[in-house]
Amino acid sequence: EAWRGGGPGAGPASGAASGDGNTVSASGTVVWIVGLPSSGKSTLAARVASALGLAVVLDGDEVRRALRPVPGYSDGERDAFYETLARLAALIARQGHVVLVAATAHRRAFRERARELAPRFVEVFVDTPLDECRRRDTRGLYARGEPQLPGVGVPFEPPESPDVRVRPDDTNAVQQILALIT
């Protein structure tokens, strides 16, 4: 891989190639994949990362578990968590990487803040109906009736104009996203 310099903030040279020959913009991009819990956000992020060959995936659940203290689910804790996630994604993107963020981010304000911070931002809405999310739920979130669960006990604000809208039967979602970032 072609790298410029070696000092702090050094990143891939313009047009640095990923492992499979796709090029990744040196300016970096945050692709925020949003949707209800169990809608397929993490699965889509993994598929896009695999197709790119070179990407950073920030799964909201995994980042939440990695932070100390572990963030809670009050309004203030969610505000702080999504601000942290947006800043982390922007930091990595400014180093020339494609950052795939798979996170519910149930408030538009969370996503708008991420858009403000990112050098380049693509919003992907995984538009899976609530009943389908309940069926897919392997963690039992819906069965337990979590009072803080977006779409159930907490309102979920869907994106008004996402760059990509993905429905459960979409077979070309990865290609749609790749077309916007490569």
Protein backbone atom coordinates (compact mmCIF):
# COMPACT_ATOMS: atom_id res chain seq x y z
CA GLU A 1 0.00 0.00 0.00
CA ALA A 2 1.14 3.51 -0.71
CA TRP A 3 1.54 5.63 2.41
CA ARG A 4 2.73 9.23 2.68
CA GLY A 5 5.01 10.22 5.48
CA GLY A 6 5.03 8.47 8.78
CA GLY A 7 4.25 11.20 11.25
CA PRO A 8 1.10 11.86 13.23
CA GLY A 9 -2.00 11.93 11.09
CA ALA A 10 -0.31 10.18 8.18
CA GLY A 11 -2.83 8.33 6.06
CA PRO A 12 -3.12 6.58 2.75
CA ALA A 13 -1.91 8.43 -0.30
CA SER A 14 -4.49 9.72 -2.74
CA GLY A 15 -6.04 6.82 -4.61
CA ALA A 16 -4.53 4.19 -2.30
CA ALA A 17 -5.84 0.83 -3.39
CA SER A 18 -7.75 -1.54 -1.21
CA GLY A 19 -7.01 -5.24 -1.20
CA ASP A 20 -9.40 -6.01 -4.07
CA GLY A 21 -8.44 -3.16 -6.40
CA ASN A 22 -11.17 -0.68 -5.50
CA THR A 23 -9.92 2.80 -4.74
CA VAL A 24 -10.77 4.59 -1.56
CA SER A 25 -10.92 8.37 -1.42
CA ALA A 26 -8.03 9.90 0.54
CA SER A 27 -10.43 12.44 2.02
CA GLY A 28 -12.24 9.68 3.90
CA THR A 29 -15.93 9.04 4.25
CA VAL A 30 -18.29 8.20 7.08
CA VAL A 31 -21.09 5.88 5.97
CA TRP A 32 -23.69 5.95 8.74
CA ILE A 33 -25.98 2.91 8.52
CA VAL A 34 -29.09 3.63 10.58
CA GLY A 35 -32.21 1.64 11.37
CA LEU A 36 -34.20 0.00 14.11
CA PRO A 37 -32.54 -2.59 16.37
CA SER A 38 -32.22 -5.93 14.49
CA SER A 39 -32.90 -4.27 11.13
CA GLY A 40 -29.70 -5.57 9.51
CA LYS A 41 -27.30 -2.63 10.01
CA SER A 42 -24.32 -4.71 11.19
CA THR A 43 -24.82 -7.31 8.47
CA LEU A 44 -24.89 -4.63 5.78
CA ALA A 45 -21.79 -2.93 7.22
CA ALA A 46 -19.91 -6.24 7.16
CA ARG A 47 -20.92 -6.86 3.54
CA VAL A 48 -19.81 -3.38 2.44
CA ALA A 49 -16.52 -3.77 4.34
CA SER A 50 -15.92 -7.11 2.66
CA ALA A 51 -16.60 -5.63 -0.77
CA LEU A 52 -14.28 -2.68 -0.12
CA GLY A 53 -11.47 -4.78 1.30
CA LEU A 54 -10.26 -1.77 3.30
CA ALA A 55 -12.68 -0.11 5.72
CA VAL A 56 -13.18 0.49 9.41
CA VAL A 57 -16.42 -0.79 10.93
CA LEU A 58 -17.73 0.88 14.08
CA ASP A 59 -20.66 -1.20 15.27
CA GLY A 60 -22.62 0.79 17.84
CA ASP A 61 -23.13 -2.22 20.13
CA GLU A 62 -19.43 -3.14 20.03
CA VAL A 63 -18.25 0.44 20.61
CA ARG A 64 -20.70 0.78 23.51
CA ARG A 65 -19.23 -2.38 25.12
CA ALA A 66 -15.66 -1.14 24.59
CA LEU A 67 -16.15 2.23 26.32
CA ARG A 68 -15.54 2.65 30.05
CA PRO A 69 -17.68 3.33 31.87
CA VAL A 70 -20.18 1.55 29.64
CA PRO A 71 -22.69 4.17 28.45
CA GLY A 72 -26.25 3.83 29.63
CA TYR A 73 -29.50 4.57 27.82
CA SER A 74 -30.78 7.77 29.42
CA ASP A 75 -31.25 10.73 27.08
CA GLY A 76 -28.03 12.36 28.31
CA GLU A 77 -26.02 9.15 28.06
CA ARG A 78 -27.29 8.54 24.53
CA ASP A 79 -26.43 12.11 23.54
CA ALA A 80 -22.88 11.62 24.84
CA PHE A 81 -22.51 8.20 23.23
CA TYR A 82 -23.58 9.33 19.76
CA GLU A 83 -21.41 12.46 20.00
CA THR A 84 -18.45 10.22 20.88
CA LEU A 85 -19.27 7.79 18.06
CA ALA A 86 -19.60 10.64 15.53
CA ARG A 87 -16.30 12.19 16.63
CA LEU A 88 -14.49 8.84 16.50
CA ALA A 89 -15.83 8.13 13.01
CA ALA A 90 -14.83 11.60 11.78
CA LEU A 91 -11.35 11.26 13.30
CA ILE A 92 -10.75 8.00 11.44
CA ALA A 93 -12.29 9.33 8.20
CA ARG A 94 -10.00 12.40 8.28
CA GLN A 95 -7.10 9.94 8.11
CA GLY A 96 -8.38 8.80 4.71
CA HIS A 97 -10.43 5.77 5.68
CA VAL A 98 -13.95 4.70 4.84
CA VAL A 99 -15.73 4.32 8.18
CA LEU A 100 -18.89 2.23 8.28
CA VAL A 101 -20.95 3.10 11.37
CA ALA A 102 -23.73 0.63 12.12
CA ALA A 103 -25.76 2.32 14.84
CA THR A 104 -29.44 2.86 15.59
CA ALA A 105 -28.96 6.62 16.19
CA HIS A 106 -32.72 7.00 16.66
CA ARG A 107 -32.70 10.82 16.64
CA ARG A 108 -32.04 12.85 13.49
CA ALA A 109 -29.97 15.26 15.60
CA PHE A 110 -27.43 12.49 16.25
CA ARG A 111 -26.98 11.88 12.53
CA GLU A 112 -26.91 15.57 11.65
CA ARG A 113 -24.11 16.07 14.18
CA ALA A 114 -22.19 13.20 12.60
CA ARG A 115 -22.72 14.81 9.18
CA GLU A 116 -21.32 18.12 10.48
CA LEU A 117 -18.16 16.46 11.79
CA ALA A 118 -17.38 14.09 8.90
CA PRO A 119 -15.21 15.14 5.96
CA ARG A 120 -17.70 13.31 3.73
CA PHE A 121 -20.97 11.70 4.91
CA VAL A 122 -23.30 9.10 3.42
CA GLU A 123 -26.51 8.18 5.24
CA VAL A 124 -27.93 4.71 4.65
CA PHE A 125 -31.35 3.84 6.06
CA VAL A 126 -32.05 0.15 6.62
CA ASP A 127 -35.82 0.43 6.33
CA THR A 128 -36.92 -2.86 7.90
CA PRO A 129 -40.48 -3.01 9.28
CA LEU A 130 -40.80 -3.34 13.05
CA ASP A 131 -42.45 -6.79 12.79
CA GLU A 132 -39.50 -8.08 10.76
CA CYS A 133 -37.04 -6.62 13.30
CA ARG A 134 -38.92 -8.45 16.08
CA ARG A 135 -38.67 -11.70 14.09
CA ARG A 136 -34.92 -11.25 13.52
CA ASP A 137 -34.12 -10.26 17.12
CA THR A 138 -31.60 -12.80 18.42
CA ARG A 139 -30.88 -10.86 21.62
CA GLY A 140 -34.46 -10.86 22.91
CA LEU A 141 -34.70 -7.07 23.07
CA TYR A 142 -38.21 -6.92 21.68
CA ALA A 143 -39.41 -9.97 23.65
CA ARG A 144 -38.27 -8.34 26.91
CA GLY A 145 -40.13 -5.15 25.97
CA GLU A 146 -37.13 -2.95 26.73
CA PRO A 147 -38.59 0.45 27.73
CA GLN A 148 -35.63 2.30 26.20
CA LEU A 149 -35.73 0.41 22.88
CA PRO A 150 -35.96 2.75 19.86
CA GLY A 151 -39.09 2.09 17.85
CA VAL A 152 -40.89 0.65 20.89
CA GLY A 153 -40.41 2.67 24.08
CA VAL A 154 -38.40 5.51 22.52
CA PRO A 155 -39.38 7.21 19.25
CA PHE A 156 -37.29 6.40 16.18
CA GLU A 157 -36.90 9.31 13.73
CA PRO A 158 -36.28 7.83 10.28
CA PRO A 159 -34.05 9.79 7.91
CA GLU A 160 -36.00 12.23 5.75
CA SER A 161 -33.69 12.00 2.71
CA PRO A 162 -31.17 9.18 3.09
CA ASP A 163 -28.55 8.75 0.38
CA VAL A 164 -29.52 5.07 0.21
CA ARG A 165 -32.71 3.38 1.44
CA VAL A 166 -32.37 -0.38 1.92
CA ARG A 167 -35.36 -2.66 2.28
CA PRO A 168 -35.16 -6.31 3.44
CA ASP A 169 -35.55 -7.66 -0.10
CA ASP A 170 -32.89 -5.38 -1.66
CA THR A 171 -30.21 -7.37 -3.43
CA ASN A 172 -28.12 -4.45 -4.66
CA ALA A 173 -27.69 -2.43 -1.44
CA VAL A 174 -23.93 -3.01 -1.31
CA GLN A 175 -23.52 -1.87 -4.90
CA GLN A 176 -25.59 1.27 -4.24
CA ILE A 177 -23.34 2.21 -1.34
CA LEU A 178 -20.14 1.40 -3.22
CA ALA A 179 -21.27 3.63 -6.09
CA LEU A 180 -21.38 6.57 -3.70
CA ILE A 181 -18.01 6.01 -2.01
CA THR A 182 -15.63 4.57 -4.60
